[in-house]
Protein backbone atom coordinates (compact mmCIF):
# COMPACT_ATOMS: atom_id res chain seq x y z
CA MET A 1 152.59 105.01 144.84
CA GLU A 2 155.32 106.62 147.76
CA ILE A 3 155.05 103.34 149.62
CA LEU A 4 156.11 101.23 146.06
CA MET A 5 158.61 103.44 145.27
CA ILE A 6 160.21 103.78 148.73
CA LEU A 7 160.39 99.84 148.27
CA THR A 8 161.99 100.15 144.85
CA VAL A 9 164.49 102.38 146.42
CA GLY A 10 165.76 99.86 149.53
CA VAL A 11 165.78 97.40 146.81
CA LEU A 12 167.76 99.32 145.35
CA VAL A 13 170.11 100.52 148.23
CA SER A 14 170.06 97.25 149.54
CA VAL A 15 171.79 95.29 146.23
CA ALA A 16 173.96 98.42 146.17
CA THR A 17 175.80 97.66 149.46
CA TYR A 18 175.99 94.44 148.74
CA MET A 19 177.37 95.15 145.27
CA ILE A 20 179.57 97.72 147.09
CA LEU A 21 180.92 95.23 149.63
CA THR A 22 182.21 92.57 147.14
CA LYS A 23 185.55 91.90 145.70
CA SER A 24 185.22 92.76 142.36
CA LEU A 25 186.24 96.34 140.76
CA LEU A 26 183.71 95.80 138.05
CA ARG A 27 180.95 94.51 140.66
CA VAL A 28 181.84 97.53 143.19
CA ILE A 29 181.41 100.55 140.05
CA LEU A 30 177.85 98.93 139.17
CA GLY A 31 177.02 98.96 143.15
CA VAL A 32 178.01 102.60 143.01
CA VAL A 33 175.87 103.31 139.97
CA LEU A 34 172.87 101.54 141.34
CA LEU A 35 173.37 103.34 144.77
CA SER A 36 173.46 106.67 142.33
CA HIS A 37 169.65 105.48 141.10
CA GLY A 38 168.58 104.77 144.14
CA ALA A 39 169.36 108.42 145.65
CA HIS A 40 167.73 110.37 142.72
CA LEU A 41 164.39 107.54 142.78
CA LEU A 42 164.15 108.73 146.29
CA LEU A 43 164.70 112.54 145.79
CA LEU A 44 162.21 111.77 143.28
CA THR A 45 159.90 110.27 145.81
CA MET A 46 160.39 112.79 148.71
CA ALA A 47 159.57 115.69 146.37
CA GLY A 48 156.17 114.28 145.62
CA LEU A 49 154.60 112.27 143.11
CA ASN A 50 151.72 115.12 142.84
CA GLU A 51 149.53 115.51 139.50
CA GLY A 52 149.48 118.87 137.97
CA SER A 53 150.58 121.17 135.02
CA PRO A 54 153.73 121.18 133.43
CA PRO A 55 155.47 124.56 134.32
CA LEU A 56 155.08 127.66 132.67
CA LEU A 57 152.75 126.91 130.13
CA GLY A 58 150.45 129.51 131.62
CA GLU A 59 148.39 130.76 134.40
CA ASP A 60 145.36 129.51 134.09
CA ALA A 61 146.42 126.17 135.57
CA ALA A 62 145.04 124.87 138.89
CA SER A 63 148.95 123.42 139.88
CA TYR A 64 151.93 123.27 138.40
CA ALA A 65 154.41 120.50 138.88
CA ASP A 66 157.51 121.80 140.78
CA PRO A 67 160.46 121.84 138.45
CA LEU A 68 163.67 121.96 141.01
CA PRO A 69 163.86 118.14 141.85
CA GLN A 70 163.23 117.04 138.38
CA ALA A 71 166.55 119.80 137.46
CA LEU A 72 168.44 118.27 140.49
CA ILE A 73 168.08 114.60 139.20
CA LEU A 74 168.57 115.72 135.66
CA THR A 75 172.25 117.39 136.81
CA ALA A 76 172.73 114.58 139.07
CA ILE A 77 172.11 112.05 136.49
CA VAL A 78 174.68 113.70 134.04
CA ILE A 79 177.31 114.06 137.02
CA GLY A 80 177.10 110.32 137.59
CA PHE A 81 177.24 109.05 134.09
CA GLY A 82 180.76 111.72 133.97
CA ILE A 83 181.69 109.89 136.72
CA THR A 84 180.98 106.35 136.23
CA ALA A 85 182.82 106.56 132.40
CA PHE A 86 185.48 108.06 134.48
CA MET A 87 185.06 105.41 136.76
CA LEU A 88 185.33 102.64 134.28
CA VAL A 89 188.11 103.58 132.73
CA LEU A 90 190.31 103.60 135.72
CA ALA A 91 189.03 100.00 136.46
CA TYR A 92 190.12 99.09 132.60
CA GLN A 93 193.39 100.14 133.20
CA THR A 94 193.65 99.00 136.48
CA TYR A 95 193.01 95.29 134.56
CA LYS A 96 195.63 95.77 131.75
CA VAL A 97 198.19 96.39 133.88
CA HIS A 98 197.63 93.87 136.42
CA LYS A 99 195.13 91.69 134.89
CA THR A 100 192.61 91.43 137.81
CA ASP A 101 190.40 92.78 139.48
CA ASN A 102 190.12 91.29 142.32
CA PHE A 103 190.36 93.35 145.96
CA ASP A 104 192.84 90.51 147.43
CA GLU A 105 195.44 90.34 144.25
CA LEU A 106 195.30 94.07 143.83
CA ARG A 107 196.42 94.99 147.46
CA GLY A 108 199.79 93.82 147.27
CA THR A 109 202.09 92.50 149.95
CA GLU A 110 203.76 94.31 152.80
CA ASP A 111 207.31 94.20 150.53
CA ASP A 112 205.57 96.45 148.65
């Protein structure tokens, strides 16, 4: 199962890298979102995909699931959502002012 997850992480990171290197501002934002999802999946996979009882239910279970990676990833998802919303607002304001989301057109000239 870990091999499948690592391959999924590789696909997510490669697609995110391709999208970040494009000239469209919206694609760059979507690439950052995909990269963060790949990082979340990588953290969860590296923590181990073990079967066990949920934590803090009792002392009679043979093994417990580790809640720390899940808590870290949940916090990272919330922070990533806030950053994504902020980047989308900035992209919308940039599009409203300049009427384009192409980085070549947003670069300007040497006279500016």
